[in-house]
PDB file of N, CA and C in Angstrom:
ATOM      1  N   UNK A   1     -16.945 148.776 128.566  1.00  0.00           N
ATOM      2  CA  UNK A   1     -16.484 147.467 128.135  1.00  0.00           C
ATOM      3  C   UNK A   1     -15.186 147.643 127.340  1.00  0.00           C
ATOM      4  N   UNK A   2     -14.211 146.816 127.625  1.00  0.00           N
ATOM      5  CA  UNK A   2     -12.913 146.891 126.951  1.00  0.00           C
ATOM      6  C   UNK A   2     -12.866 145.916 125.780  1.00  0.00           C
ATOM      7  N   UNK A   3     -12.121 146.303 124.749  1.00  0.00           N
ATOM      8  CA  UNK A   3     -11.912 145.443 123.586  1.00  0.00           C
ATOM      9  C   UNK A   3     -10.431 145.121 123.456  1.00  0.00           C
ATOM     10  N   UNK A   4     -10.139 143.895 123.086  1.00  0.00           N
ATOM     11  CA  UNK A   4      -8.766 143.467 122.869  1.00  0.00           C
ATOM     12  C   UNK A   4      -8.565 143.229 121.381  1.00  0.00           C
ATOM     13  N   UNK A   5      -7.696 144.019 120.761  1.00  0.00           N
ATOM     14  CA  UNK A   5      -7.426 143.895 119.330  1.00  0.00           C
ATOM     15  C   UNK A   5      -6.022 143.337 119.118  1.00  0.00           C
ATOM     16  N   UNK A   6      -5.936 142.240 118.369  1.00  0.00           N
ATOM     17  CA  UNK A   6      -4.636 141.653 118.057  1.00  0.00           C
ATOM     18  C   UNK A   6      -3.987 142.470 116.958  1.00  0.00           C
ATOM     19  N   UNK A   7      -2.776 142.960 117.209  1.00  0.00           N
ATOM     20  CA  UNK A   7      -2.067 143.783 116.245  1.00  0.00           C
ATOM     21  C   UNK A   7      -1.089 142.967 115.399  1.00  0.00           C
ATOM     22  N   UNK A   8      -0.406 142.018 116.020  1.00  0.00           N
ATOM     23  CA  UNK A   8       0.603 141.251 115.308  1.00  0.00           C
ATOM     24  C   UNK A   8       0.839 139.929 116.020  1.00  0.00           C
ATOM     25  N   UNK A   9       1.015 138.849 115.248  1.00  0.00           N
ATOM     26  CA  UNK A   9       1.313 137.528 115.794  1.00  0.00           C
ATOM     27  C   UNK A   9       2.602 137.026 115.165  1.00  0.00           C
ATOM     28  N   UNK A  10       3.462 136.441 115.990  1.00  0.00           N
ATOM     29  CA  UNK A  10       4.711 135.864 115.489  1.00  0.00           C
ATOM     30  C   UNK A  10       5.035 134.631 116.316  1.00  0.00           C
ATOM     31  N   UNK A  11       6.049 133.882 115.894  1.00  0.00           N
ATOM     32  CA  UNK A  11       6.525 132.802 116.739  1.00  0.00           C
ATOM     33  C   UNK A  11       8.040 132.819 116.762  1.00  0.00           C
ATOM     34  N   UNK A  12       8.581 132.320 117.865  1.00  0.00           N
ATOM     35  CA  UNK A  12      10.023 132.206 118.034  1.00  0.00           C
ATOM     36  C   UNK A  12      10.344 130.774 118.444  1.00  0.00           C
ATOM     37  N   UNK A  13      11.298 130.160 117.751  1.00  0.00           N
ATOM     38  CA  UNK A  13      11.787 128.829 118.120  1.00  0.00           C
ATOM     39  C   UNK A  13      13.144 129.006 118.780  1.00  0.00           C
ATOM     40  N   UNK A  14      13.301 128.455 119.967  1.00  0.00           N
ATOM     41  CA  UNK A  14      14.577 128.521 120.694  1.00  0.00           C
ATOM     42  C   UNK A  14      15.263 127.170 120.556  1.00  0.00           C
ATOM     43  N   UNK A  15      16.536 127.195 120.158  1.00  0.00           N
ATOM     44  CA  UNK A  15      17.263 125.959 119.887  1.00  0.00           C
ATOM     45  C   UNK A  15      18.169 125.548 121.028  1.00  0.00           C
ATOM     46  N   UNK A  16      18.406 124.243 121.144  1.00  0.00           N
ATOM     47  CA  UNK A  16      19.333 123.690 122.119  1.00  0.00           C
ATOM     48  C   UNK A  16      20.743 123.897 121.597  1.00  0.00           C
ATOM     49  N   UNK A  17      21.614 124.384 122.437  1.00  0.00           N
ATOM     50  CA  UNK A  17      23.003 124.614 122.047  1.00  0.00           C
ATOM     51  C   UNK A  17      23.889 123.414 122.348  1.00  0.00           C
ATOM     52  N   UNK A  18      25.106 123.459 121.860  1.00  0.00           N
ATOM     53  CA  UNK A  18      26.083 122.414 122.144  1.00  0.00           C
ATOM     54  C   UNK A  18      26.733 122.686 123.485  1.00  0.00           C
ATOM     55  N   UNK A  19      26.799 121.675 124.335  1.00  0.00           N
ATOM     56  CA  UNK A  19      27.399 121.861 125.656  1.00  0.00           C
ATOM     57  C   UNK A  19      26.596 122.857 126.468  1.00  0.00           C
ATOM     58  N   UNK A  20      27.269 123.852 127.028  1.00  0.00           N
ATOM     59  CA  UNK A  20      26.592 124.869 127.818  1.00  0.00           C
ATOM     60  C   UNK A  20      26.265 126.118 127.026  1.00  0.00           C
ATOM     61  N   UNK A  21      26.424 126.077 125.693  1.00  0.00           N
ATOM     62  CA  UNK A  21      26.206 127.258 124.866  1.00  0.00           C
ATOM     63  C   UNK A  21      24.736 127.416 124.483  1.00  0.00           C
ATOM     64  N   UNK A  22      24.364 128.636 124.243  1.00  0.00           N
ATOM     65  CA  UNK A  22      23.018 128.928 123.768  1.00  0.00           C
ATOM     66  C   UNK A  22      22.906 128.506 122.311  1.00  0.00           C
ATOM     67  N   UNK A  23      21.775 127.950 121.960  1.00  0.00           N
ATOM     68  CA  UNK A  23      21.580 127.497 120.589  1.00  0.00           C
ATOM     69  C   UNK A  23      21.028 128.573 119.675  1.00  0.00           C
ATOM     70  N   UNK A  24      20.611 129.693 120.227  1.00  0.00           N
ATOM     71  CA  UNK A  24      20.068 130.765 119.408  1.00  0.00           C
ATOM     72  C   UNK A  24      18.575 130.617 119.186  1.00  0.00           C
ATOM     73  N   UNK A  25      18.022 131.540 118.414  1.00  0.00           N
ATOM     74  CA  UNK A  25      16.585 131.548 118.152  1.00  0.00           C
ATOM     75  C   UNK A  25      16.313 131.846 116.678  1.00  0.00           C
ATOM     76  N   UNK A  26      15.112 131.488 116.257  1.00  0.00           N
ATOM     77  CA  UNK A  26      14.605 131.845 114.936  1.00  0.00           C
ATOM     78  C   UNK A  26      13.236 132.468 115.167  1.00  0.00           C
ATOM     79  N   UNK A  27      12.984 133.626 114.573  1.00  0.00           N
ATOM     80  CA  UNK A  27      11.693 134.306 114.729  1.00  0.00           C
ATOM     81  C   UNK A  27      11.039 134.504 113.374  1.00  0.00           C
ATOM     82  N   UNK A  28       9.767 134.167 113.301  1.00  0.00           N
ATOM     83  CA  UNK A  28       8.960 134.422 112.107  1.00  0.00           C
ATOM     84  C   UNK A  28       7.914 135.454 112.501  1.00  0.00           C
ATOM     85  N   UNK A  29       7.992 136.636 111.908  1.00  0.00           N
ATOM     86  CA  UNK A  29       7.101 137.725 112.318  1.00  0.00           C
ATOM     87  C   UNK A  29       5.926 137.929 111.371  1.00  0.00           C
ATOM     88  N   UNK A  30       5.768 137.071 110.383  1.00  0.00           N
ATOM     89  CA  UNK A  30       4.672 137.249 109.416  1.00  0.00           C
ATOM     90  C   UNK A  30       3.656 136.111 109.527  1.00  0.00           C
ATOM     91  N   UNK A  31       3.084 135.963 110.717  1.00  0.00           N
ATOM     92  CA  UNK A  31       2.097 134.934 110.974  1.00  0.00           C
ATOM     93  C   UNK A  31       0.706 135.562 110.957  1.00  0.00           C
ATOM     94  N   UNK A  32      -0.253 134.895 110.332  1.00  0.00           N
ATOM     95  CA  UNK A  32      -1.623 135.410 110.331  1.00  0.00           C
ATOM     96  C   UNK A  32      -2.147 135.473 111.758  1.00  0.00           C
ATOM     97  N   UNK A  33      -2.890 136.500 112.061  1.00  0.00           N
ATOM     98  CA  UNK A  33      -3.405 136.679 113.419  1.00  0.00           C
ATOM     99  C   UNK A  33      -4.345 135.567 113.852  1.00  0.00           C
ATOM    100  N   UNK A  34      -5.020 134.917 112.905  1.00  0.00           N
ATOM    101  CA  UNK A  34      -5.947 133.840 113.276  1.00  0.00           C
ATOM    102  C   UNK A  34      -5.313 132.460 113.129  1.00  0.00           C
ATOM    103  N   UNK A  35      -3.984 132.392 113.011  1.00  0.00           N
ATOM    104  CA  UNK A  35      -3.296 131.103 112.901  1.00  0.00           C
ATOM    105  C   UNK A  35      -3.484 130.296 114.183  1.00  0.00           C
ATOM    106  N   UNK A  36      -3.728 129.016 114.022  1.00  0.00           N
ATOM    107  CA  UNK A  36      -3.931 128.155 115.193  1.00  0.00           C
ATOM    108  C   UNK A  36      -2.599 127.824 115.860  1.00  0.00           C
ATOM    109  N   UNK A  37      -2.666 127.466 117.126  1.00  0.00           N
ATOM    110  CA  UNK A  37      -1.456 127.055 117.842  1.00  0.00           C
ATOM    111  C   UNK A  37      -0.827 125.840 117.156  1.00  0.00           C
ATOM    112  N   UNK A  38      -1.674 124.901 116.697  1.00  0.00           N
ATOM    113  CA  UNK A  38      -1.171 123.698 116.032  1.00  0.00           C
ATOM    114  C   UNK A  38      -0.464 124.056 114.722  1.00  0.00           C
ATOM    115  N   UNK A  39      -1.011 125.020 113.982  1.00  0.00           N
ATOM    116  CA  UNK A  39      -0.387 125.456 112.733  1.00  0.00           C
ATOM    117  C   UNK A  39       0.949 126.130 112.974  1.00  0.00           C
ATOM    118  N   UNK A  40       1.017 126.940 114.031  1.00  0.00           N
ATOM    119  CA  UNK A  40       2.272 127.610 114.380  1.00  0.00           C
ATOM    120  C   UNK A  40       3.317 126.578 114.795  1.00  0.00           C
ATOM    121  N   UNK A  41       2.912 125.594 115.581  1.00  0.00           N
ATOM    122  CA  UNK A  41       3.865 124.558 115.994  1.00  0.00           C
ATOM    123  C   UNK A  41       4.349 123.759 114.793  1.00  0.00           C
ATOM    124  N   UNK A  42       3.457 123.442 113.853  1.00  0.00           N
ATOM    125  CA  UNK A  42       3.848 122.712 112.650  1.00  0.00           C
ATOM    126  C   UNK A  42       4.879 123.501 111.837  1.00  0.00           C
ATOM    127  N   UNK A  43       4.650 124.804 111.674  1.00  0.00           N
ATOM    128  CA  UNK A  43       5.600 125.642 110.939  1.00  0.00           C
ATOM    129  C   UNK A  43       6.934 125.726 111.664  1.00  0.00           C
ATOM    130  N   UNK A  44       6.900 125.872 112.988  1.00  0.00           N
ATOM    131  CA  UNK A  44       8.133 125.948 113.769  1.00  0.00           C
ATOM    132  C   UNK A  44       8.911 124.640 113.685  1.00  0.00           C
ATOM    133  N   UNK A  45       8.221 123.513 113.726  1.00  0.00           N
ATOM    134  CA  UNK A  45       8.888 122.207 113.611  1.00  0.00           C
ATOM    135  C   UNK A  45       9.481 122.035 112.211  1.00  0.00           C
ATOM    136  N   UNK A  46       8.797 122.553 111.183  1.00  0.00           N
ATOM    137  CA  UNK A  46       9.329 122.472 109.820  1.00  0.00           C
ATOM    138  C   UNK A  46      10.615 123.275 109.689  1.00  0.00           C
ATOM    139  N   UNK A  47      10.666 124.455 110.299  1.00  0.00           N
ATOM    140  CA  UNK A  47      11.888 125.261 110.300  1.00  0.00           C
ATOM    141  C   UNK A  47      12.995 124.496 111.012  1.00  0.00           C
ATOM    142  N   UNK A  48      12.647 123.832 112.110  1.00  0.00           N
ATOM    143  CA  UNK A  48      13.623 123.053 112.865  1.00  0.00           C
ATOM    144  C   UNK A  48      14.255 121.972 111.994  1.00  0.00           C
ATOM    145  N   UNK A  49      13.461 121.347 111.133  1.00  0.00           N
ATOM    146  CA  UNK A  49      13.984 120.302 110.246  1.00  0.00           C
ATOM    147  C   UNK A  49      15.069 120.845 109.320  1.00  0.00           C
ATOM    148  N   UNK A  50      15.076 122.145 109.068  1.00  0.00           N
ATOM    149  CA  UNK A  50      16.055 122.763 108.184  1.00  0.00           C
ATOM    150  C   UNK A  50      17.304 123.234 108.930  1.00  0.00           C
ATOM    151  N   UNK A  51      17.256 123.208 110.242  1.00  0.00           N
ATOM    152  CA  UNK A  51      18.370 123.685 111.061  1.00  0.00           C
ATOM    153  C   UNK A  51      19.215 122.510 111.537  1.00  0.00           C
ATOM    154  N   UNK A  52      20.434 122.805 111.970  1.00  0.00           N
ATOM    155  CA  UNK A  52      21.299 121.747 112.498  1.00  0.00           C
ATOM    156  C   UNK A  52      21.064 121.512 113.991  1.00  0.00           C
ATOM    157  N   UNK A  53      20.306 122.362 114.624  1.00  0.00           N
ATOM    158  CA  UNK A  53      20.042 122.254 116.060  1.00  0.00           C
ATOM    159  C   UNK A  53      18.613 121.771 116.304  1.00  0.00           C
ATOM    160  N   UNK A  54      18.397 121.176 117.443  1.00  0.00           N
ATOM    161  CA  UNK A  54      17.054 120.740 117.830  1.00  0.00           C
ATOM    162  C   UNK A  54      16.345 121.867 118.573  1.00  0.00           C
ATOM    163  N   UNK A  55      15.042 121.965 118.354  1.00  0.00           N
ATOM    164  CA  UNK A  55      14.269 123.017 119.012  1.00  0.00           C
ATOM    165  C   UNK A  55      14.012 122.639 120.473  1.00  0.00           C
ATOM    166  N   UNK A  56      14.140 123.618 121.358  1.00  0.00           N
ATOM    167  CA  UNK A  56      13.912 123.413 122.792  1.00  0.00           C
ATOM    168  C   UNK A  56      12.524 123.918 123.179  1.00  0.00           C
ATOM    169  N   UNK A  57      12.169 125.105 122.709  1.00  0.00           N
ATOM    170  CA  UNK A  57      10.878 125.707 123.049  1.00  0.00           C
ATOM    171  C   UNK A  57      10.349 126.471 121.845  1.00  0.00           C
ATOM    172  N   UNK A  58       9.036 126.555 121.751  1.00  0.00           N
ATOM    173  CA  UNK A  58       8.376 127.363 120.725  1.00  0.00           C
ATOM    174  C   UNK A  58       7.472 128.350 121.447  1.00  0.00           C
ATOM    175  N   UNK A  59       7.649 129.624 121.151  1.00  0.00           N
ATOM    176  CA  UNK A  59       6.857 130.673 121.774  1.00  0.00           C
ATOM    177  C   UNK A  59       5.949 131.315 120.738  1.00  0.00           C
ATOM    178  N   UNK A  60       4.673 131.452 121.069  1.00  0.00           N
ATOM    179  CA  UNK A  60       3.746 132.240 120.261  1.00  0.00           C
ATOM    180  C   UNK A  60       3.683 133.621 120.895  1.00  0.00           C
ATOM    181  N   UNK A  61       3.957 134.652 120.104  1.00  0.00           N
ATOM    182  CA  UNK A  61       3.992 136.011 120.621  1.00  0.00           C
ATOM    183  C   UNK A  61       2.858 136.800 119.977  1.00  0.00           C
ATOM    184  N   UNK A  62       1.968 137.332 120.800  1.00  0.00           N
ATOM    185  CA  UNK A  62       0.822 138.082 120.295  1.00  0.00           C
ATOM    186  C   UNK A  62       0.895 139.506 120.837  1.00  0.00           C
ATOM    187  N   UNK A  63       0.992 140.463 119.918  1.00  0.00           N
ATOM    188  CA  UNK A  63       0.956 141.876 120.292  1.00  0.00           C
ATOM    189  C   UNK A  63      -0.491 142.342 120.213  1.00  0.00           C
ATOM    190  N   UNK A  64      -1.005 142.901 121.286  1.00  0.00           N
ATOM    191  CA  UNK A  64      -2.408 143.288 121.326  1.00  0.00           C
ATOM    192  C   UNK A  64      -2.567 144.693 121.904  1.00  0.00           C
ATOM    193  N   UNK A  65      -3.722 145.274 121.612  1.00  0.00           N
ATOM    194  CA  UNK A  65      -4.059 146.608 122.107  1.00  0.00           C
ATOM    195  C   UNK A  65      -5.379 146.512 122.853  1.00  0.00           C
ATOM    196  N   UNK A  66      -5.407 147.030 124.057  1.00  0.00           N
ATOM    197  CA  UNK A  66      -6.614 147.045 124.863  1.00  0.00           C
ATOM    198  C   UNK A  66      -7.228 148.432 124.773  1.00  0.00           C
ATOM    199  N   UNK A  67      -8.464 148.500 124.268  1.00  0.00           N
ATOM    200  CA  UNK A  67      -9.148 149.793 124.116  1.00  0.00           C
ATOM    201  C   UNK A  67     -10.460 149.778 124.889  1.00  0.00           C
ATOM    202  N   UNK A  68     -10.898 150.971 125.172  1.00  0.00           N
ATOM    203  CA  UNK A  68     -12.150 151.126 125.893  1.00  0.00           C
ATOM    204  C   UNK A  68     -13.193 151.787 125.072  1.00  0.00           C
TER     205      UNK A  68
END
């Protein structure tokens, strides 16, 4: 039987750029592993409120280890 262990959770907000330019990204790498998707989205939207650009996508990134 295999086990999946979460090693690290982070989120990245991708911003809309002006014209055809990339808007860049913001990454928060200190997210609790048991943080809910709704909590991560709320935090990402709060960061967006502090930026001059609008958020295009929010990615939840989970680093995991599969062991046997």
